[in-house]
Amino acid sequence: MGEGYRAAGVDIDAGTEAVRRISPLVRATYRPEVIGDIGGFGGLFDLGRSGFDDPLLVSATDGVGTKAEIARQTGRLDSIGRDLVAMCVDDLVCVGAEPLFFLDYLAVGRLSPAMVERLVSGIAAGCSEAGCALIGGEMAEHPGVMEADRFDLVGFAVGAVERDKVLDGSAVEAGDVLVGLESPNLRANGFSLVRRLVSEVAGRVLDEPAWDGSGTSLADELLAPSVLYAPAVLAALAVHEVHAVAHITGGGLPGNLPRVLGDGVDAVVDTARWEVPRIFRELQHMGGVTDEEMSRVFNMGIGMVLAVPDAEAHGVVALLVDNGRPARVIGELVAGSGVVHLRR
């Protein structure tokens, strides 16, 4: 028998089986604007059927970083796709955009149809919750470059917003109130530090209790899926005056709030106004990490922030809570130069 692709480490039949398995998951996410079916060279989406008058398209891309390594080590692959969707669509909503469709890129050392199915099931679940169609994707087998059980996951989201409703930070002003949406877990940020603290510094085992008396394991806490904020934030934008939206990811509050503040205001955040989830303090204690460094790396329990007029704050908080996203006032904007001040 001559040389072939399988001998080089690429299994075409496994790819075909993987597509067969994920096809119903993908179709379940389709919106009415989707044209065609899985398997084409490109995903077609009829923007004209989306109901926009003068839309601007908005795009975002992200990955799940080294959280994927913890998912791989534990064999818990079902929810990490939700993290991927959240990282992308929650960026779109920061400019006021409704997520329309999503694409994923999965690179693996060796293609396992069962593994692909589990990963894509999480992506499809996230897309369904976000209201966007999983319109396309790519599976790439990289033998000799990646180890057989390794994978990397990247996502791409496209949304739309009316031209006259774009949030660009220009509306923020001193006196605006900051409404923070709670994040009960790490989402998908800071995991390079997490993995170092857990395995190298503290020598912890992932299947042991997260802390003394905990009913969850360390793996449970670290792999808890990301909250997906976009639907609740869009609901708030449809009813209330919102001046800016910031997605609190890598860089924490100090790194992400300035992206929507402009140069004329500072954000004053009172960190005593919410309870930091226990997992953050456990990680901090593992390595003696300073408060300042923790706030620069993690969201510390606040995953999204809305800047709203003071008169709108109560209604915004109530609407977010009604949409299943606990929120509270965590600070205000004052005259300044685009700096975040954390008061403890």
C-alpha atoms as a PDB file:
ATOM      1  CA  MET A   1       0.000   0.000   0.000  1.00  0.00           C
ATOM      2  CA  GLY A   2       1.310   3.439  -0.935  1.00  0.00           C
ATOM      3  CA  GLU A   3       1.530   6.444   1.286  1.00  0.00           C
ATOM      4  CA  GLY A   4      -1.691   8.307   2.070  1.00  0.00           C
ATOM      5  CA  TYR A   5      -3.161  11.047   4.230  1.00  0.00           C
ATOM      6  CA  ARG A   6      -3.994   8.619   7.046  1.00  0.00           C
ATOM      7  CA  ALA A   7      -0.333   7.570   7.234  1.00  0.00           C
ATOM      8  CA  ALA A   8       0.520  11.260   7.638  1.00  0.00           C
ATOM      9  CA  GLY A   9      -1.844  11.442  10.610  1.00  0.00           C
ATOM     10  CA  VAL A  10      -4.958  12.955   9.022  1.00  0.00           C
ATOM     11  CA  ASP A  11      -8.125  10.850   9.086  1.00  0.00           C
ATOM     12  CA  ILE A  12     -10.584  12.046   6.428  1.00  0.00           C
ATOM     13  CA  ASP A  13     -13.201   9.521   7.511  1.00  0.00           C
ATOM     14  CA  ALA A  14     -13.071  10.811  11.080  1.00  0.00           C
ATOM     15  CA  GLY A  15     -13.678  14.311   9.762  1.00  0.00           C
ATOM     16  CA  THR A  16     -16.705  13.137   7.831  1.00  0.00           C
ATOM     17  CA  GLU A  17     -18.083  11.407  10.927  1.00  0.00           C
ATOM     18  CA  ALA A  18     -17.495  14.518  13.023  1.00  0.00           C
ATOM     19  CA  VAL A  19     -19.481  16.638  10.563  1.00  0.00           C
ATOM     20  CA  ARG A  20     -22.300  14.089  10.633  1.00  0.00           C
ATOM     21  CA  ARG A  21     -22.441  14.275  14.419  1.00  0.00           C
ATOM     22  CA  ILE A  22     -22.444  18.052  14.712  1.00  0.00           C
ATOM     23  CA  SER A  23     -24.847  18.795  11.835  1.00  0.00           C
ATOM     24  CA  PRO A  24     -28.037  18.658  13.952  1.00  0.00           C
ATOM     25  CA  LEU A  25     -26.377  20.776  16.657  1.00  0.00           C
ATOM     26  CA  VAL A  26     -25.485  23.430  14.103  1.00  0.00           C
ATOM     27  CA  ARG A  27     -28.894  23.459  12.419  1.00  0.00           C
ATOM     28  CA  ALA A  28     -30.612  23.942  15.769  1.00  0.00           C
ATOM     29  CA  THR A  29     -28.973  27.389  16.036  1.00  0.00           C
ATOM     30  CA  TYR A  30     -30.126  28.699  12.657  1.00  0.00           C
ATOM     31  CA  ARG A  31     -32.012  31.977  12.442  1.00  0.00           C
ATOM     32  CA  PRO A  32     -34.475  32.729   9.613  1.00  0.00           C
ATOM     33  CA  GLU A  33     -31.767  34.761   7.875  1.00  0.00           C
ATOM     34  CA  VAL A  34     -29.517  31.745   7.323  1.00  0.00           C
ATOM     35  CA  ILE A  35     -29.474  30.496   3.737  1.00  0.00           C
ATOM     36  CA  GLY A  36     -28.267  27.022   2.818  1.00  0.00           C
ATOM     37  CA  ASP A  37     -26.976  24.272   5.060  1.00  0.00           C
ATOM     38  CA  ILE A  38     -23.835  22.959   6.693  1.00  0.00           C
ATOM     39  CA  GLY A  39     -21.100  21.840   4.309  1.00  0.00           C
ATOM     40  CA  GLY A  40     -20.828  24.777   1.938  1.00  0.00           C
ATOM     41  CA  PHE A  41     -17.691  26.772   1.283  1.00  0.00           C
ATOM     42  CA  GLY A  42     -19.200  29.827   2.947  1.00  0.00           C
ATOM     43  CA  GLY A  43     -22.127  30.624   5.220  1.00  0.00           C
ATOM     44  CA  LEU A  44     -24.846  32.787   3.694  1.00  0.00           C
ATOM     45  CA  PHE A  45     -26.807  35.220   5.861  1.00  0.00           C
ATOM     46  CA  ASP A  46     -29.552  37.526   4.558  1.00  0.00           C
ATOM     47  CA  LEU A  47     -29.026  40.735   6.533  1.00  0.00           C
ATOM     48  CA  GLY A  48     -32.029  42.281   4.799  1.00  0.00           C
ATOM     49  CA  ARG A  49     -34.313  39.933   6.716  1.00  0.00           C
ATOM     50  CA  SER A  50     -32.953  41.026  10.101  1.00  0.00           C
ATOM     51  CA  GLY A  51     -35.133  44.122  10.377  1.00  0.00           C
ATOM     52  CA  PHE A  52     -32.378  46.741  10.487  1.00  0.00           C
ATOM     53  CA  ASP A  53     -32.865  50.082   8.713  1.00  0.00           C
ATOM     54  CA  ASP A  54     -29.284  51.366   8.467  1.00  0.00           C
ATOM     55  CA  PRO A  55     -27.066  48.688  10.000  1.00  0.00           C
ATOM     56  CA  LEU A  56     -23.367  48.632  10.638  1.00  0.00           C
ATOM     57  CA  LEU A  57     -21.746  45.224  10.871  1.00  0.00           C
ATOM     58  CA  VAL A  58     -19.610  44.584  13.946  1.00  0.00           C
ATOM     59  CA  SER A  59     -17.098  41.738  14.262  1.00  0.00           C
ATOM     60  CA  ALA A  60     -15.221  40.173  17.147  1.00  0.00           C
ATOM     61  CA  THR A  61     -12.882  37.238  17.616  1.00  0.00           C
ATOM     62  CA  ASP A  62     -11.496  35.522  20.682  1.00  0.00           C
ATOM     63  CA  GLY A  63     -10.493  32.177  22.138  1.00  0.00           C
ATOM     64  CA  VAL A  64     -10.705  30.370  25.448  1.00  0.00           C
ATOM     65  CA  GLY A  65      -6.983  30.526  26.122  1.00  0.00           C
ATOM     66  CA  THR A  66      -5.423  28.029  28.471  1.00  0.00           C
ATOM     67  CA  LYS A  67      -8.739  27.222  30.135  1.00  0.00           C
ATOM     68  CA  ALA A  68      -8.824  24.676  27.307  1.00  0.00           C
ATOM     69  CA  GLU A  69      -5.906  22.865  28.932  1.00  0.00           C
ATOM     70  CA  ILE A  70      -7.843  22.324  32.161  1.00  0.00           C
ATOM     71  CA  ALA A  71     -10.818  21.096  30.143  1.00  0.00           C
ATOM     72  CA  ARG A  72      -8.505  18.670  28.338  1.00  0.00           C
ATOM     73  CA  GLN A  73      -6.854  17.421  31.519  1.00  0.00           C
ATOM     74  CA  THR A  74     -10.206  16.667  33.130  1.00  0.00           C
ATOM     75  CA  GLY A  75     -11.946  15.427  29.978  1.00  0.00           C
ATOM     76  CA  ARG A  76     -14.735  17.937  30.590  1.00  0.00           C
ATOM     77  CA  LEU A  77     -15.314  19.389  27.148  1.00  0.00           C
ATOM     78  CA  ASP A  78     -19.042  20.058  27.055  1.00  0.00           C
ATOM     79  CA  SER A  79     -19.178  23.645  28.296  1.00  0.00           C
ATOM     80  CA  ILE A  80     -15.980  25.263  27.087  1.00  0.00           C
ATOM     81  CA  GLY A  81     -17.667  26.100  23.781  1.00  0.00           C
ATOM     82  CA  ARG A  82     -20.069  28.296  25.729  1.00  0.00           C
ATOM     83  CA  ASP A  83     -17.048  30.212  27.052  1.00  0.00           C
ATOM     84  CA  LEU A  84     -15.953  30.744  23.478  1.00  0.00           C
ATOM     85  CA  VAL A  85     -19.291  32.198  22.392  1.00  0.00           C
ATOM     86  CA  ALA A  86     -19.512  34.435  25.451  1.00  0.00           C
ATOM     87  CA  MET A  87     -16.046  35.908  24.903  1.00  0.00           C
ATOM     88  CA  CYS A  88     -17.042  36.976  21.392  1.00  0.00           C
ATOM     89  CA  VAL A  89     -20.691  38.032  21.543  1.00  0.00           C
ATOM     90  CA  ASP A  90     -20.233  39.934  24.800  1.00  0.00           C
ATOM     91  CA  ASP A  91     -17.679  42.074  22.972  1.00  0.00           C
ATOM     92  CA  LEU A  92     -20.213  42.837  20.239  1.00  0.00           C
ATOM     93  CA  VAL A  93     -22.800  44.150  22.673  1.00  0.00           C
ATOM     94  CA  CYS A  94     -20.289  46.730  23.946  1.00  0.00           C
ATOM     95  CA  VAL A  95     -20.968  48.748  20.796  1.00  0.00           C
ATOM     96  CA  GLY A  96     -24.684  48.003  20.961  1.00  0.00           C
ATOM     97  CA  ALA A  97     -24.672  45.204  18.392  1.00  0.00           C
ATOM     98  CA  GLU A  98     -27.015  42.234  18.268  1.00  0.00           C
ATOM     99  CA  PRO A  99     -25.104  38.991  17.589  1.00  0.00           C
ATOM    100  CA  LEU A 100     -26.178  37.529  14.241  1.00  0.00           C
ATOM    101  CA  PHE A 101     -23.880  34.646  13.419  1.00  0.00           C
ATOM    102  CA  PHE A 102     -20.846  32.803  14.717  1.00  0.00           C
ATOM    103  CA  LEU A 103     -18.020  30.721  13.268  1.00  0.00           C
ATOM    104  CA  ASP A 104     -15.574  28.484  15.090  1.00  0.00           C
ATOM    105  CA  TYR A 105     -12.101  27.164  14.353  1.00  0.00           C
ATOM    106  CA  LEU A 106     -10.992  23.950  16.029  1.00  0.00           C
ATOM    107  CA  ALA A 107      -7.414  22.700  15.699  1.00  0.00           C
ATOM    108  CA  VAL A 108      -6.637  19.229  17.044  1.00  0.00           C
ATOM    109  CA  GLY A 109      -3.687  16.889  17.144  1.00  0.00           C
ATOM    110  CA  ARG A 110      -5.880  13.943  16.230  1.00  0.00           C
ATOM    111  CA  LEU A 111      -9.489  14.285  15.194  1.00  0.00           C
ATOM    112  CA  SER A 112     -11.904  12.438  17.450  1.00  0.00           C
ATOM    113  CA  PRO A 113     -15.551  12.712  16.315  1.00  0.00           C
ATOM    114  CA  ALA A 114     -16.739  12.268  19.912  1.00  0.00           C
ATOM    115  CA  MET A 115     -14.490  15.090  21.125  1.00  0.00           C
ATOM    116  CA  VAL A 116     -15.639  17.389  18.324  1.00  0.00           C
ATOM    117  CA  GLU A 117     -19.259  16.643  19.124  1.00  0.00           C
ATOM    118  CA  ARG A 118     -18.801  17.567  22.779  1.00  0.00           C
ATOM    119  CA  LEU A 119     -16.952  20.786  21.994  1.00  0.00           C
ATOM    120  CA  VAL A 120     -19.455  21.885  19.351  1.00  0.00           C
ATOM    121  CA  SER A 121     -22.387  21.041  21.624  1.00  0.00           C
ATOM    122  CA  GLY A 122     -21.171  23.774  23.972  1.00  0.00           C
ATOM    123  CA  ILE A 123     -20.722  26.226  21.111  1.00  0.00           C
ATOM    124  CA  ALA A 124     -24.215  25.486  19.808  1.00  0.00           C
ATOM    125  CA  ALA A 125     -25.730  25.912  23.273  1.00  0.00           C
ATOM    126  CA  GLY A 126     -23.995  29.271  23.638  1.00  0.00           C
ATOM    127  CA  CYS A 127     -25.146  30.404  20.204  1.00  0.00           C
ATOM    128  CA  SER A 128     -28.728  29.427  20.974  1.00  0.00           C
ATOM    129  CA  GLU A 129     -28.665  31.416  24.200  1.00  0.00           C
ATOM    130  CA  ALA A 130     -27.083  34.412  22.470  1.00  0.00           C
ATOM    131  CA  GLY A 131     -29.580  34.235  19.605  1.00  0.00           C
ATOM    132  CA  CYS A 132     -26.928  33.902  16.905  1.00  0.00           C
ATOM    133  CA  ALA A 133     -26.572  31.230  14.242  1.00  0.00           C
ATOM    134  CA  LEU A 134     -23.601  28.895  14.152  1.00  0.00           C
ATOM    135  CA  ILE A 135     -23.163  29.451  10.447  1.00  0.00           C
ATOM    136  CA  GLY A 136     -19.801  27.836   9.774  1.00  0.00           C
ATOM    137  CA  GLY A 137     -16.545  26.528  11.104  1.00  0.00           C
ATOM    138  CA  GLU A 138     -13.373  24.625  10.428  1.00  0.00           C
ATOM    139  CA  MET A 139     -11.794  21.501  11.891  1.00  0.00           C
ATOM    140  CA  ALA A 140      -8.063  21.181  11.295  1.00  0.00           C
ATOM    141  CA  GLU A 141      -6.008  18.124  12.173  1.00  0.00           C
ATOM    142  CA  HIS A 142      -2.354  18.956  12.941  1.00  0.00           C
ATOM    143  CA  PRO A 143      -0.424  15.686  13.365  1.00  0.00           C
ATOM    144  CA  GLY A 144       3.203  16.123  14.266  1.00  0.00           C
ATOM    145  CA  VAL A 145       2.560  19.702  15.344  1.00  0.00           C
ATOM    146  CA  MET A 146       0.081  19.150  18.181  1.00  0.00           C
ATOM    147  CA  GLU A 147      -0.052  16.129  20.471  1.00  0.00           C
ATOM    148  CA  ALA A 148      -2.925  13.763  19.746  1.00  0.00           C
ATOM    149  CA  ASP A 149      -5.190  14.888  22.603  1.00  0.00           C
ATOM    150  CA  ARG A 150      -4.463  18.621  22.330  1.00  0.00           C
ATOM    151  CA  PHE A 151      -6.838  21.163  20.862  1.00  0.00           C
ATOM    152  CA  ASP A 152      -7.276  24.900  20.432  1.00  0.00           C
ATOM    153  CA  LEU A 153     -10.580  26.665  20.013  1.00  0.00           C
ATOM    154  CA  VAL A 154     -11.177  30.078  18.432  1.00  0.00           C
ATOM    155  CA  GLY A 155     -14.403  31.884  17.626  1.00  0.00           C
ATOM    156  CA  PHE A 156     -15.560  34.656  15.329  1.00  0.00           C
ATOM    157  CA  ALA A 157     -18.831  36.569  15.786  1.00  0.00           C
ATOM    158  CA  VAL A 158     -20.616  39.098  13.606  1.00  0.00           C
ATOM    159  CA  GLY A 159     -23.410  41.362  14.753  1.00  0.00           C
ATOM    160  CA  ALA A 160     -25.238  44.475  13.606  1.00  0.00           C
ATOM    161  CA  VAL A 161     -26.283  47.764  15.139  1.00  0.00           C
ATOM    162  CA  GLU A 162     -28.235  50.698  13.742  1.00  0.00           C
ATOM    163  CA  ARG A 163     -25.838  53.449  12.714  1.00  0.00           C
ATOM    164  CA  ASP A 164     -27.472  55.992  15.017  1.00  0.00           C
ATOM    165  CA  LYS A 165     -27.356  53.645  18.029  1.00  0.00           C
ATOM    166  CA  VAL A 166     -23.656  52.795  18.066  1.00  0.00           C
ATOM    167  CA  LEU A 167     -22.105  52.990  21.528  1.00  0.00           C
ATOM    168  CA  ASP A 168     -18.702  54.628  21.161  1.00  0.00           C
ATOM    169  CA  GLY A 169     -18.140  56.141  24.599  1.00  0.00           C
ATOM    170  CA  SER A 170     -18.831  59.688  23.447  1.00  0.00           C
ATOM    171  CA  ALA A 171     -22.017  59.934  25.513  1.00  0.00           C
ATOM    172  CA  VAL A 172     -20.442  59.241  28.913  1.00  0.00           C
ATOM    173  CA  GLU A 173     -20.307  62.139  31.337  1.00  0.00           C
ATOM    174  CA  ALA A 174     -19.465  62.906  34.927  1.00  0.00           C
ATOM    175  CA  GLY A 175     -22.368  61.900  37.127  1.00  0.00           C
ATOM    176  CA  ASP A 176     -23.126  58.697  35.248  1.00  0.00           C
ATOM    177  CA  VAL A 177     -23.617  55.662  37.445  1.00  0.00           C
ATOM    178  CA  LEU A 178     -21.759  52.379  36.912  1.00  0.00           C
ATOM    179  CA  VAL A 179     -23.931  49.263  36.968  1.00  0.00           C
ATOM    180  CA  GLY A 180     -21.967  46.043  37.368  1.00  0.00           C
ATOM    181  CA  LEU A 181     -23.269  42.655  36.244  1.00  0.00           C
ATOM    182  CA  GLU A 182     -22.118  39.880  38.511  1.00  0.00           C
ATOM    183  CA  SER A 183     -19.776  37.119  37.364  1.00  0.00           C
ATOM    184  CA  PRO A 184     -19.886  34.093  39.683  1.00  0.00           C
ATOM    185  CA  ASN A 185     -16.727  32.549  38.226  1.00  0.00           C
ATOM    186  CA  LEU A 186     -13.513  33.109  36.291  1.00  0.00           C
ATOM    187  CA  ARG A 187     -15.151  32.901  32.862  1.00  0.00           C
ATOM    188  CA  ALA A 188     -12.176  32.340  30.476  1.00  0.00           C
ATOM    189  CA  ASN A 189      -9.563  34.847  31.577  1.00  0.00           C
ATOM    190  CA  GLY A 190      -6.347  34.645  33.573  1.00  0.00           C
ATOM    191  CA  PHE A 191      -5.884  30.910  33.229  1.00  0.00           C
ATOM    192  CA  SER A 192      -2.153  31.034  32.594  1.00  0.00           C
ATOM    193  CA  LEU A 193      -1.813  32.456  36.105  1.00  0.00           C
ATOM    194  CA  VAL A 194      -4.488  30.069  37.419  1.00  0.00           C
ATOM    195  CA  ARG A 195      -2.653  27.006  36.141  1.00  0.00           C
ATOM    196  CA  ARG A 196       0.650  28.209  37.578  1.00  0.00           C
ATOM    197  CA  LEU A 197      -0.907  28.903  40.985  1.00  0.00           C
ATOM    198  CA  VAL A 198      -2.775  25.608  41.125  1.00  0.00           C
ATOM    199  CA  SER A 199      -0.194  23.159  39.825  1.00  0.00           C
ATOM    200  CA  GLU A 200       3.217  24.777  40.245  1.00  0.00           C
ATOM    201  CA  VAL A 201       2.841  26.995  43.310  1.00  0.00           C
ATOM    202  CA  ALA A 202       0.228  25.250  45.455  1.00  0.00           C
ATOM    203  CA  GLY A 203       0.564  21.711  44.084  1.00  0.00           C
ATOM    204  CA  ARG A 204      -3.206  21.275  44.115  1.00  0.00           C
ATOM    205  CA  VAL A 205      -5.110  18.433  42.440  1.00  0.00           C
ATOM    206  CA  LEU A 206      -8.049  19.352  40.244  1.00  0.00           C
ATOM    207  CA  ASP A 207     -10.453  16.746  41.608  1.00  0.00           C
ATOM    208  CA  GLU A 208      -9.963  17.689  45.269  1.00  0.00           C
ATOM    209  CA  PRO A 209     -12.406  20.041  47.073  1.00  0.00           C
ATOM    210  CA  ALA A 210     -12.048  23.623  45.930  1.00  0.00           C
ATOM    211  CA  TRP A 211     -11.577  24.691  49.567  1.00  0.00           C
ATOM    212  CA  ASP A 212     -12.186  23.243  53.012  1.00  0.00           C
ATOM    213  CA  GLY A 213     -15.849  22.331  53.328  1.00  0.00           C
ATOM    214  CA  SER A 214     -16.599  22.982  49.660  1.00  0.00           C
ATOM    215  CA  GLY A 215     -19.143  20.772  47.950  1.00  0.00           C
ATOM    216  CA  THR A 216     -17.477  21.398  44.597  1.00  0.00           C
ATOM    217  CA  SER A 217     -14.088  20.351  43.267  1.00  0.00           C
ATOM    218  CA  LEU A 218     -11.376  22.690  42.126  1.00  0.00           C
ATOM    219  CA  ALA A 219     -12.113  21.562  38.560  1.00  0.00           C
ATOM    220  CA  ASP A 220     -15.803  22.443  39.051  1.00  0.00           C
ATOM    221  CA  GLU A 221     -14.898  25.977  40.051  1.00  0.00           C
ATOM    222  CA  LEU A 222     -12.281  26.524  37.353  1.00  0.00           C
ATOM    223  CA  LEU A 223     -14.403  25.093  34.537  1.00  0.00           C
ATOM    224  CA  ALA A 224     -17.688  26.740  35.512  1.00  0.00           C
ATOM    225  CA  PRO A 225     -19.007  28.091  32.191  1.00  0.00           C
ATOM    226  CA  SER A 226     -19.011  31.780  31.389  1.00  0.00           C
ATOM    227  CA  VAL A 227     -22.050  33.882  32.029  1.00  0.00           C
ATOM    228  CA  LEU A 228     -23.394  35.113  28.697  1.00  0.00           C
ATOM    229  CA  TYR A 229     -24.425  38.755  29.089  1.00  0.00           C
ATOM    230  CA  ALA A 230     -25.450  39.847  25.600  1.00  0.00           C
ATOM    231  CA  PRO A 231     -29.211  39.087  25.704  1.00  0.00           C
ATOM    232  CA  ALA A 232     -29.743  40.884  29.021  1.00  0.00           C
ATOM    233  CA  VAL A 233     -27.648  43.888  27.984  1.00  0.00           C
ATOM    234  CA  LEU A 234     -29.501  44.163  24.678  1.00  0.00           C
ATOM    235  CA  ALA A 235     -32.770  44.121  26.604  1.00  0.00           C
ATOM    236  CA  ALA A 236     -31.509  47.034  28.695  1.00  0.00           C
ATOM    237  CA  LEU A 237     -30.367  48.958  25.617  1.00  0.00           C
ATOM    238  CA  ALA A 238     -33.823  48.586  24.072  1.00  0.00           C
ATOM    239  CA  VAL A 239     -35.557  50.247  27.026  1.00  0.00           C
ATOM    240  CA  HIS A 240     -33.108  52.480  28.874  1.00  0.00           C
ATOM    241  CA  GLU A 241     -30.566  55.181  28.119  1.00  0.00           C
ATOM    242  CA  VAL A 242     -27.129  53.565  28.316  1.00  0.00           C
ATOM    243  CA  HIS A 243     -24.023  55.604  27.606  1.00  0.00           C
ATOM    244  CA  ALA A 244     -21.386  52.871  27.491  1.00  0.00           C
ATOM    245  CA  VAL A 245     -20.882  49.132  27.965  1.00  0.00           C
ATOM    246  CA  ALA A 246     -17.597  47.484  28.956  1.00  0.00           C
ATOM    247  CA  HIS A 247     -16.868  43.752  28.874  1.00  0.00           C
ATOM    248  CA  ILE A 248     -14.591  42.952  31.822  1.00  0.00           C
ATOM    249  CA  THR A 249     -12.201  40.298  30.567  1.00  0.00           C
ATOM    250  CA  GLY A 250      -8.405  40.026  30.729  1.00  0.00           C
ATOM    251  CA  GLY A 251      -7.116  43.223  32.319  1.00  0.00           C
ATOM    252  CA  GLY A 252      -9.996  43.408  34.780  1.00  0.00           C
ATOM    253  CA  LEU A 253     -11.807  46.624  35.585  1.00  0.00           C
ATOM    254  CA  PRO A 254      -8.670  48.821  35.356  1.00  0.00           C
ATOM    255  CA  GLY A 255      -7.857  47.530  31.868  1.00  0.00           C
ATOM    256  CA  ASN A 256     -11.310  47.441  30.305  1.00  0.00           C
ATOM    257  CA  LEU A 257     -13.348  50.353  31.658  1.00  0.00           C
ATOM    258  CA  PRO A 258     -10.988  52.984  30.131  1.00  0.00           C
ATOM    259  CA  ARG A 259     -11.732  51.551  26.666  1.00  0.00           C
ATOM    260  CA  VAL A 260     -15.215  53.124  26.792  1.00  0.00           C
ATOM    261  CA  LEU A 261     -14.654  56.168  29.002  1.00  0.00           C
ATOM    262  CA  GLY A 262     -12.909  58.652  26.753  1.00  0.00           C
ATOM    263  CA  ASP A 263     -10.545  61.293  28.114  1.00  0.00           C
ATOM    264  CA  GLY A 264     -12.897  63.467  30.154  1.00  0.00           C
ATOM    265  CA  VAL A 265     -13.985  61.213  32.999  1.00  0.00           C
ATOM    266  CA  ASP A 266     -12.597  58.822  35.580  1.00  0.00           C
ATOM    267  CA  ALA A 267     -14.385  55.766  36.942  1.00  0.00           C
ATOM    268  CA  VAL A 268     -14.603  55.470  40.717  1.00  0.00           C
ATOM    269  CA  VAL A 269     -15.465  51.885  41.665  1.00  0.00           C
ATOM    270  CA  ASP A 270     -16.359  50.844  45.208  1.00  0.00           C
ATOM    271  CA  THR A 271     -15.219  47.226  45.443  1.00  0.00           C
ATOM    272  CA  ALA A 272     -17.053  46.801  48.763  1.00  0.00           C
ATOM    273  CA  ARG A 273     -20.382  46.903  46.917  1.00  0.00           C
ATOM    274  CA  TRP A 274     -20.190  43.293  45.789  1.00  0.00           C
ATOM    275  CA  GLU A 275     -18.950  40.035  47.229  1.00  0.00           C
ATOM    276  CA  VAL A 276     -15.940  38.602  45.418  1.00  0.00           C
ATOM    277  CA  PRO A 277     -16.587  34.913  44.621  1.00  0.00           C
ATOM    278  CA  ARG A 278     -14.636  32.544  46.852  1.00  0.00           C
ATOM    279  CA  ILE A 279     -12.586  31.021  44.019  1.00  0.00           C
ATOM    280  CA  PHE A 280     -10.773  34.322  43.430  1.00  0.00           C
ATOM    281  CA  ARG A 281      -9.655  34.536  47.059  1.00  0.00           C
ATOM    282  CA  GLU A 282      -8.557  30.904  47.044  1.00  0.00           C
ATOM    283  CA  LEU A 283      -6.353  31.524  44.030  1.00  0.00           C
ATOM    284  CA  GLN A 284      -4.982  34.687  45.589  1.00  0.00           C
ATOM    285  CA  HIS A 285      -4.025  32.838  48.756  1.00  0.00           C
ATOM    286  CA  MET A 286      -2.320  30.044  46.823  1.00  0.00           C
ATOM    287  CA  GLY A 287       0.376  32.407  45.615  1.00  0.00           C
ATOM    288  CA  GLY A 288       0.168  35.464  47.815  1.00  0.00           C
ATOM    289  CA  VAL A 289      -0.995  37.499  44.819  1.00  0.00           C
ATOM    290  CA  THR A 290      -1.521  41.181  45.614  1.00  0.00           C
ATOM    291  CA  ASP A 291      -4.948  42.803  45.419  1.00  0.00           C
ATOM    292  CA  GLU A 292      -3.661  45.071  42.663  1.00  0.00           C
ATOM    293  CA  GLU A 293      -2.446  42.155  40.552  1.00  0.00           C
ATOM    294  CA  MET A 294      -5.682  40.214  41.067  1.00  0.00           C
ATOM    295  CA  SER A 295      -7.675  43.219  39.837  1.00  0.00           C
ATOM    296  CA  ARG A 296      -5.418  43.561  36.788  1.00  0.00           C
ATOM    297  CA  VAL A 297      -5.834  39.916  35.768  1.00  0.00           C
ATOM    298  CA  PHE A 298      -9.357  38.852  36.773  1.00  0.00           C
ATOM    299  CA  ASN A 299     -12.834  40.379  36.721  1.00  0.00           C
ATOM    300  CA  MET A 300     -13.116  39.726  40.496  1.00  0.00           C
ATOM    301  CA  GLY A 301     -16.847  39.087  40.242  1.00  0.00           C
ATOM    302  CA  ILE A 302     -17.965  41.790  37.797  1.00  0.00           C
ATOM    303  CA  GLY A 303     -18.198  40.612  34.182  1.00  0.00           C
ATOM    304  CA  MET A 304     -19.830  43.595  32.495  1.00  0.00           C
ATOM    305  CA  VAL A 305     -20.308  47.265  33.368  1.00  0.00           C
ATOM    306  CA  LEU A 306     -22.896  49.703  32.023  1.00  0.00           C
ATOM    307  CA  ALA A 307     -22.512  53.483  32.387  1.00  0.00           C
ATOM    308  CA  VAL A 308     -25.987  54.998  32.686  1.00  0.00           C
ATOM    309  CA  PRO A 309     -27.539  58.289  33.820  1.00  0.00           C
ATOM    310  CA  ASP A 310     -28.262  58.280  37.539  1.00  0.00           C
ATOM    311  CA  ALA A 311     -32.003  58.416  36.901  1.00  0.00           C
ATOM    312  CA  GLU A 312     -31.814  55.203  34.848  1.00  0.00           C
ATOM    313  CA  ALA A 313     -29.804  53.121  37.292  1.00  0.00           C
ATOM    314  CA  HIS A 314     -32.668  51.603  39.299  1.00  0.00           C
ATOM    315  CA  GLY A 315     -34.594  50.603  36.179  1.00  0.00           C
ATOM    316  CA  VAL A 316     -31.505  49.141  34.496  1.00  0.00           C
ATOM    317  CA  VAL A 317     -30.636  47.030  37.539  1.00  0.00           C
ATOM    318  CA  ALA A 318     -34.222  45.781  37.820  1.00  0.00           C
ATOM    319  CA  LEU A 319     -34.403  44.867  34.131  1.00  0.00           C
ATOM    320  CA  LEU A 320     -31.083  43.026  34.232  1.00  0.00           C
ATOM    321  CA  VAL A 321     -32.193  41.052  37.279  1.00  0.00           C
ATOM    322  CA  ASP A 322     -35.482  40.217  35.556  1.00  0.00           C
ATOM    323  CA  ASN A 323     -33.405  38.842  32.667  1.00  0.00           C
ATOM    324  CA  GLY A 324     -31.496  36.550  34.980  1.00  0.00           C
ATOM    325  CA  ARG A 325     -28.373  38.668  35.379  1.00  0.00           C
ATOM    326  CA  PRO A 326     -27.848  39.934  38.934  1.00  0.00           C
ATOM    327  CA  ALA A 327     -26.536  43.502  38.873  1.00  0.00           C
ATOM    328  CA  ARG A 328     -25.900  46.408  41.204  1.00  0.00           C
ATOM    329  CA  VAL A 329     -24.538  49.943  41.261  1.00  0.00           C
ATOM    330  CA  ILE A 330     -20.792  49.713  41.858  1.00  0.00           C
ATOM    331  CA  GLY A 331     -19.574  53.248  41.275  1.00  0.00           C
ATOM    332  CA  GLU A 332     -19.795  56.448  39.302  1.00  0.00           C
ATOM    333  CA  LEU A 333     -18.038  58.606  36.749  1.00  0.00           C
ATOM    334  CA  VAL A 334     -16.336  61.831  37.784  1.00  0.00           C
ATOM    335  CA  ALA A 335     -14.403  64.483  35.892  1.00  0.00           C
ATOM    336  CA  GLY A 336     -10.967  63.159  35.034  1.00  0.00           C
ATOM    337  CA  SER A 337      -8.720  61.724  32.333  1.00  0.00           C
ATOM    338  CA  GLY A 338      -9.888  58.151  31.673  1.00  0.00           C
ATOM    339  CA  VAL A 339      -8.494  56.458  34.787  1.00  0.00           C
ATOM    340  CA  VAL A 340     -10.135  53.793  36.964  1.00  0.00           C
ATOM    341  CA  HIS A 341      -9.926  54.202  40.719  1.00  0.00           C
ATOM    342  CA  LEU A 342     -10.687  51.129  42.826  1.00  0.00           C
ATOM    343  CA  ARG A 343     -11.796  51.999  46.344  1.00  0.00           C
ATOM    344  CA  ARG A 344     -11.539  49.202  48.882  1.00  0.00           C
END
